[in-house]
Amino acid sequence: MVGLATAQLYQARDLAITTDFREPISAVLSAHMGLAAPQIDRVFPARPASSGNTAALLRT
């Protein structure tokens, strides 16, 4: 068999999630759609604090 062993897969079938897209999507909602932090918190209620790493991804 080629690839990951069953023990390395999430629920023995899927690749594990390794990227949290809430931060870059939050940056887009803020910079391009003009949403304020309380509005973004309604979209992602349990989002982590921003690391600031996504600012360089967006050009305004």
PDB file of N, CA and C in Angstrom:
ATOM      1  N   MET A   1       0.838  -1.186   0.000  1.00  0.00           N
ATOM      2  CA  MET A   1       0.000   0.000   0.000  1.00  0.00           C
ATOM      3  C   MET A   1       0.882   1.249   0.000  1.00  0.00           C
ATOM      4  N   VAL A   2       0.503   2.215  -0.784  1.00  0.00           N
ATOM      5  CA  VAL A   2       1.238   3.466  -0.877  1.00  0.00           C
ATOM      6  C   VAL A   2       0.474   4.538  -0.109  1.00  0.00           C
ATOM      7  N   GLY A   3       1.195   5.432   0.573  1.00  0.00           N
ATOM      8  CA  GLY A   3       0.538   6.512   1.307  1.00  0.00           C
ATOM      9  C   GLY A   3       0.612   6.306   2.806  1.00  0.00           C
ATOM     10  N   LEU A   4      -0.314   6.919   3.513  1.00  0.00           N
ATOM     11  CA  LEU A   4      -0.331   6.846   4.970  1.00  0.00           C
ATOM     12  C   LEU A   4      -0.953   5.544   5.450  1.00  0.00           C
ATOM     13  N   ALA A   5      -0.437   5.064   6.563  1.00  0.00           N
ATOM     14  CA  ALA A   5      -1.015   3.871   7.182  1.00  0.00           C
ATOM     15  C   ALA A   5      -2.348   4.246   7.821  1.00  0.00           C
ATOM     16  N   THR A   6      -3.223   3.290   7.976  1.00  0.00           N
ATOM     17  CA  THR A   6      -4.536   3.531   8.566  1.00  0.00           C
ATOM     18  C   THR A   6      -4.422   4.201   9.927  1.00  0.00           C
ATOM     19  N   ALA A   7      -3.435   3.839  10.722  1.00  0.00           N
ATOM     20  CA  ALA A   7      -3.250   4.422  12.054  1.00  0.00           C
ATOM     21  C   ALA A   7      -2.900   5.910  11.996  1.00  0.00           C
ATOM     22  N   GLN A   8      -2.398   6.382  10.864  1.00  0.00           N
ATOM     23  CA  GLN A   8      -2.022   7.785  10.715  1.00  0.00           C
ATOM     24  C   GLN A   8      -3.183   8.657  10.229  1.00  0.00           C
ATOM     25  N   LEU A   9      -4.287   8.059   9.871  1.00  0.00           N
ATOM     26  CA  LEU A   9      -5.423   8.795   9.339  1.00  0.00           C
ATOM     27  C   LEU A   9      -6.414   9.148  10.442  1.00  0.00           C
ATOM     28  N   TYR A  10      -7.115  10.247  10.266  1.00  0.00           N
ATOM     29  CA  TYR A  10      -8.163  10.653  11.197  1.00  0.00           C
ATOM     30  C   TYR A  10      -9.366   9.746  10.975  1.00  0.00           C
ATOM     31  N   GLN A  11      -9.844   9.134  12.009  1.00  0.00           N
ATOM     32  CA  GLN A  11     -10.951   8.176  11.963  1.00  0.00           C
ATOM     33  C   GLN A  11     -10.678   7.061  10.951  1.00  0.00           C
ATOM     34  N   ALA A  12      -9.408   6.736  10.798  1.00  0.00           N
ATOM     35  CA  ALA A  12      -8.937   5.648   9.938  1.00  0.00           C
ATOM     36  C   ALA A  12      -9.310   5.818   8.475  1.00  0.00           C
ATOM     37  N   ARG A  13      -9.661   7.057   8.065  1.00  0.00           N
ATOM     38  CA  ARG A  13     -10.026   7.228   6.659  1.00  0.00           C
ATOM     39  C   ARG A  13      -9.618   8.555   6.043  1.00  0.00           C
ATOM     40  N   ASP A  14      -9.488   9.629   6.849  1.00  0.00           N
ATOM     41  CA  ASP A  14      -9.251  10.957   6.304  1.00  0.00           C
ATOM     42  C   ASP A  14      -7.923  11.535   6.779  1.00  0.00           C
ATOM     43  N   LEU A  15      -7.385  12.469   6.009  1.00  0.00           N
ATOM     44  CA  LEU A  15      -6.226  13.215   6.475  1.00  0.00           C
ATOM     45  C   LEU A  15      -6.657  14.136   7.607  1.00  0.00           C
ATOM     46  N   ALA A  16      -5.805  14.284   8.588  1.00  0.00           N
ATOM     47  CA  ALA A  16      -6.107  15.169   9.714  1.00  0.00           C
ATOM     48  C   ALA A  16      -6.048  16.627   9.261  1.00  0.00           C
ATOM     49  N   ILE A  17      -6.877  17.458   9.853  1.00  0.00           N
ATOM     50  CA  ILE A  17      -6.874  18.887   9.539  1.00  0.00           C
ATOM     51  C   ILE A  17      -5.633  19.509  10.166  1.00  0.00           C
ATOM     52  N   THR A  18      -4.861  20.226   9.365  1.00  0.00           N
ATOM     53  CA  THR A  18      -3.633  20.842   9.874  1.00  0.00           C
ATOM     54  C   THR A  18      -3.626  22.356   9.717  1.00  0.00           C
ATOM     55  N   THR A  19      -4.621  22.917   9.044  1.00  0.00           N
ATOM     56  CA  THR A  19      -4.662  24.350   8.811  1.00  0.00           C
ATOM     57  C   THR A  19      -5.957  24.925   9.357  1.00  0.00           C
ATOM     58  N   ASP A  20      -5.839  25.995  10.140  1.00  0.00           N
ATOM     59  CA  ASP A  20      -7.011  26.696  10.655  1.00  0.00           C
ATOM     60  C   ASP A  20      -7.235  27.918   9.764  1.00  0.00           C
ATOM     61  N   PHE A  21      -8.266  27.860   8.945  1.00  0.00           N
ATOM     62  CA  PHE A  21      -8.522  28.933   7.989  1.00  0.00           C
ATOM     63  C   PHE A  21      -9.327  30.089   8.574  1.00  0.00           C
ATOM     64  N   ARG A  22      -9.682  30.015   9.858  1.00  0.00           N
ATOM     65  CA  ARG A  22     -10.470  31.096  10.453  1.00  0.00           C
ATOM     66  C   ARG A  22      -9.714  32.421  10.450  1.00  0.00           C
ATOM     67  N   GLU A  23      -8.406  32.388  10.685  1.00  0.00           N
ATOM     68  CA  GLU A  23      -7.651  33.644  10.743  1.00  0.00           C
ATOM     69  C   GLU A  23      -7.561  34.336   9.379  1.00  0.00           C
ATOM     70  N   PRO A  24      -7.150  33.649   8.304  1.00  0.00           N
ATOM     71  CA  PRO A  24      -7.106  34.363   7.019  1.00  0.00           C
ATOM     72  C   PRO A  24      -8.493  34.779   6.524  1.00  0.00           C
ATOM     73  N   ILE A  25      -9.518  33.964   6.783  1.00  0.00           N
ATOM     74  CA  ILE A  25     -10.868  34.352   6.371  1.00  0.00           C
ATOM     75  C   ILE A  25     -11.330  35.557   7.179  1.00  0.00           C
ATOM     76  N   SER A  26     -10.988  35.611   8.456  1.00  0.00           N
ATOM     77  CA  SER A  26     -11.328  36.768   9.291  1.00  0.00           C
ATOM     78  C   SER A  26     -10.653  38.028   8.765  1.00  0.00           C
ATOM     79  N   ALA A  27      -9.414  37.905   8.320  1.00  0.00           N
ATOM     80  CA  ALA A  27      -8.698  39.056   7.763  1.00  0.00           C
ATOM     81  C   ALA A  27      -9.382  39.557   6.497  1.00  0.00           C
ATOM     82  N   VAL A  28      -9.851  38.649   5.665  1.00  0.00           N
ATOM     83  CA  VAL A  28     -10.574  39.033   4.445  1.00  0.00           C
ATOM     84  C   VAL A  28     -11.886  39.720   4.811  1.00  0.00           C
ATOM     85  N   LEU A  29     -12.605  39.159   5.768  1.00  0.00           N
ATOM     86  CA  LEU A  29     -13.868  39.768   6.190  1.00  0.00           C
ATOM     87  C   LEU A  29     -13.650  41.179   6.719  1.00  0.00           C
ATOM     88  N   SER A  30     -12.550  41.397   7.402  1.00  0.00           N
ATOM     89  CA  SER A  30     -12.249  42.712   7.955  1.00  0.00           C
ATOM     90  C   SER A  30     -11.762  43.685   6.881  1.00  0.00           C
ATOM     91  N   ALA A  31     -10.720  43.292   6.146  1.00  0.00           N
ATOM     92  CA  ALA A  31     -10.070  44.201   5.202  1.00  0.00           C
ATOM     93  C   ALA A  31     -10.894  44.471   3.950  1.00  0.00           C
ATOM     94  N   HIS A  32     -11.543  43.476   3.426  1.00  0.00           N
ATOM     95  CA  HIS A  32     -12.219  43.639   2.139  1.00  0.00           C
ATOM     96  C   HIS A  32     -13.726  43.811   2.245  1.00  0.00           C
ATOM     97  N   MET A  33     -14.306  43.349   3.343  1.00  0.00           N
ATOM     98  CA  MET A  33     -15.755  43.474   3.484  1.00  0.00           C
ATOM     99  C   MET A  33     -16.143  44.470   4.567  1.00  0.00           C
ATOM    100  N   GLY A  34     -15.135  44.975   5.295  1.00  0.00           N
ATOM    101  CA  GLY A  34     -15.370  46.014   6.283  1.00  0.00           C
ATOM    102  C   GLY A  34     -16.060  45.570   7.559  1.00  0.00           C
ATOM    103  N   LEU A  35     -16.025  44.276   7.863  1.00  0.00           N
ATOM    104  CA  LEU A  35     -16.658  43.797   9.091  1.00  0.00           C
ATOM    105  C   LEU A  35     -15.799  44.144  10.299  1.00  0.00           C
ATOM    106  N   ALA A  36     -16.441  44.548  11.375  1.00  0.00           N
ATOM    107  CA  ALA A  36     -15.756  44.838  12.636  1.00  0.00           C
ATOM    108  C   ALA A  36     -15.586  43.539  13.417  1.00  0.00           C
ATOM    109  N   ALA A  37     -14.710  43.569  14.408  1.00  0.00           N
ATOM    110  CA  ALA A  37     -14.415  42.369  15.204  1.00  0.00           C
ATOM    111  C   ALA A  37     -15.666  41.711  15.789  1.00  0.00           C
ATOM    112  N   PRO A  38     -16.628  42.481  16.336  1.00  0.00           N
ATOM    113  CA  PRO A  38     -17.829  41.815  16.871  1.00  0.00           C
ATOM    114  C   PRO A  38     -18.629  41.069  15.794  1.00  0.00           C
ATOM    115  N   GLN A  39     -18.624  41.603  14.571  1.00  0.00           N
ATOM    116  CA  GLN A  39     -19.326  40.926  13.479  1.00  0.00           C
ATOM    117  C   GLN A  39     -18.603  39.643  13.087  1.00  0.00           C
ATOM    118  N   ILE A  40     -17.286  39.699  13.049  1.00  0.00           N
ATOM    119  CA  ILE A  40     -16.505  38.504  12.711  1.00  0.00           C
ATOM    120  C   ILE A  40     -16.665  37.452  13.802  1.00  0.00           C
ATOM    121  N   ASP A  41     -16.771  37.896  15.044  1.00  0.00           N
ATOM    122  CA  ASP A  41     -16.989  36.952  16.150  1.00  0.00           C
ATOM    123  C   ASP A  41     -18.315  36.210  16.010  1.00  0.00           C
ATOM    124  N   ARG A  42     -19.271  36.812  15.338  1.00  0.00           N
ATOM    125  CA  ARG A  42     -20.545  36.119  15.093  1.00  0.00           C
ATOM    126  C   ARG A  42     -20.378  35.056  14.016  1.00  0.00           C
ATOM    127  N   VAL A  43     -19.465  35.287  13.076  1.00  0.00           N
ATOM    128  CA  VAL A  43     -19.191  34.295  12.029  1.00  0.00           C
ATOM    129  C   VAL A  43     -18.375  33.142  12.604  1.00  0.00           C
ATOM    130  N   PHE A  44     -17.349  33.480  13.385  1.00  0.00           N
ATOM    131  CA  PHE A  44     -16.466  32.491  14.012  1.00  0.00           C
ATOM    132  C   PHE A  44     -16.472  32.716  15.522  1.00  0.00           C
ATOM    133  N   PRO A  45     -17.481  32.222  16.242  1.00  0.00           N
ATOM    134  CA  PRO A  45     -17.604  32.509  17.674  1.00  0.00           C
ATOM    135  C   PRO A  45     -16.422  32.054  18.521  1.00  0.00           C
ATOM    136  N   ALA A  46     -15.754  31.004  18.143  1.00  0.00           N
ATOM    137  CA  ALA A  46     -14.663  30.479  18.972  1.00  0.00           C
ATOM    138  C   ALA A  46     -13.305  30.683  18.318  1.00  0.00           C
ATOM    139  N   ARG A  47     -13.189  31.725  17.502  1.00  0.00           N
ATOM    140  CA  ARG A  47     -11.919  31.909  16.784  1.00  0.00           C
ATOM    141  C   ARG A  47     -10.810  32.318  17.738  1.00  0.00           C
ATOM    142  N   PRO A  48      -9.592  31.870  17.468  1.00  0.00           N
ATOM    143  CA  PRO A  48      -8.461  32.263  18.313  1.00  0.00           C
ATOM    144  C   PRO A  48      -8.064  33.713  18.039  1.00  0.00           C
ATOM    145  N   ALA A  49      -7.304  34.283  18.935  1.00  0.00           N
ATOM    146  CA  ALA A  49      -6.797  35.642  18.730  1.00  0.00           C
ATOM    147  C   ALA A  49      -5.902  35.664  17.498  1.00  0.00           C
ATOM    148  N   SER A  50      -5.903  36.773  16.805  1.00  0.00           N
ATOM    149  CA  SER A  50      -5.105  36.895  15.589  1.00  0.00           C
ATOM    150  C   SER A  50      -3.613  36.874  15.911  1.00  0.00           C
ATOM    151  N   SER A  51      -2.865  36.151  15.092  1.00  0.00           N
ATOM    152  CA  SER A  51      -1.413  36.118  15.257  1.00  0.00           C
ATOM    153  C   SER A  51      -0.754  37.251  14.491  1.00  0.00           C
ATOM    154  N   GLY A  52      -1.508  37.899  13.597  1.00  0.00           N
ATOM    155  CA  GLY A  52      -0.960  38.972  12.783  1.00  0.00           C
ATOM    156  C   GLY A  52      -0.229  38.480  11.548  1.00  0.00           C
ATOM    157  N   ASN A  53      -0.155  37.186  11.363  1.00  0.00           N
ATOM    158  CA  ASN A  53       0.583  36.627  10.234  1.00  0.00           C
ATOM    159  C   ASN A  53      -0.138  36.769   8.903  1.00  0.00           C
ATOM    160  N   THR A  54      -1.424  37.030   8.923  1.00  0.00           N
ATOM    161  CA  THR A  54      -2.165  37.084   7.664  1.00  0.00           C
ATOM    162  C   THR A  54      -2.170  38.466   7.039  1.00  0.00           C
ATOM    163  N   ALA A  55      -1.729  39.479   7.749  1.00  0.00           N
ATOM    164  CA  ALA A  55      -1.750  40.840   7.215  1.00  0.00           C
ATOM    165  C   ALA A  55      -0.951  40.948   5.921  1.00  0.00           C
ATOM    166  N   ALA A  56       0.135  40.232   5.812  1.00  0.00           N
ATOM    167  CA  ALA A  56       0.974  40.294   4.616  1.00  0.00           C
ATOM    168  C   ALA A  56       0.337  39.598   3.419  1.00  0.00           C
ATOM    169  N   LEU A  57      -0.683  38.801   3.659  1.00  0.00           N
ATOM    170  CA  LEU A  57      -1.341  38.095   2.562  1.00  0.00           C
ATOM    171  C   LEU A  57      -2.300  38.977   1.784  1.00  0.00           C
ATOM    172  N   LEU A  58      -2.749  40.054   2.403  1.00  0.00           N
ATOM    173  CA  LEU A  58      -3.768  40.901   1.803  1.00  0.00           C
ATOM    174  C   LEU A  58      -3.187  42.218   1.339  1.00  0.00           C
ATOM    175  N   ARG A  59      -3.636  42.647   0.184  1.00  0.00           N
ATOM    176  CA  ARG A  59      -3.237  43.944  -0.345  1.00  0.00           C
ATOM    177  C   ARG A  59      -4.490  44.807  -0.380  1.00  0.00           C
ATOM    178  N   THR A  60      -4.470  45.925   0.309  1.00  0.00           N
ATOM    179  CA  THR A  60      -5.666  46.774   0.342  1.00  0.00           C
ATOM    180  C   THR A  60      -5.493  48.000  -0.503  1.00  0.00           C
TER     181      THR A  60
END
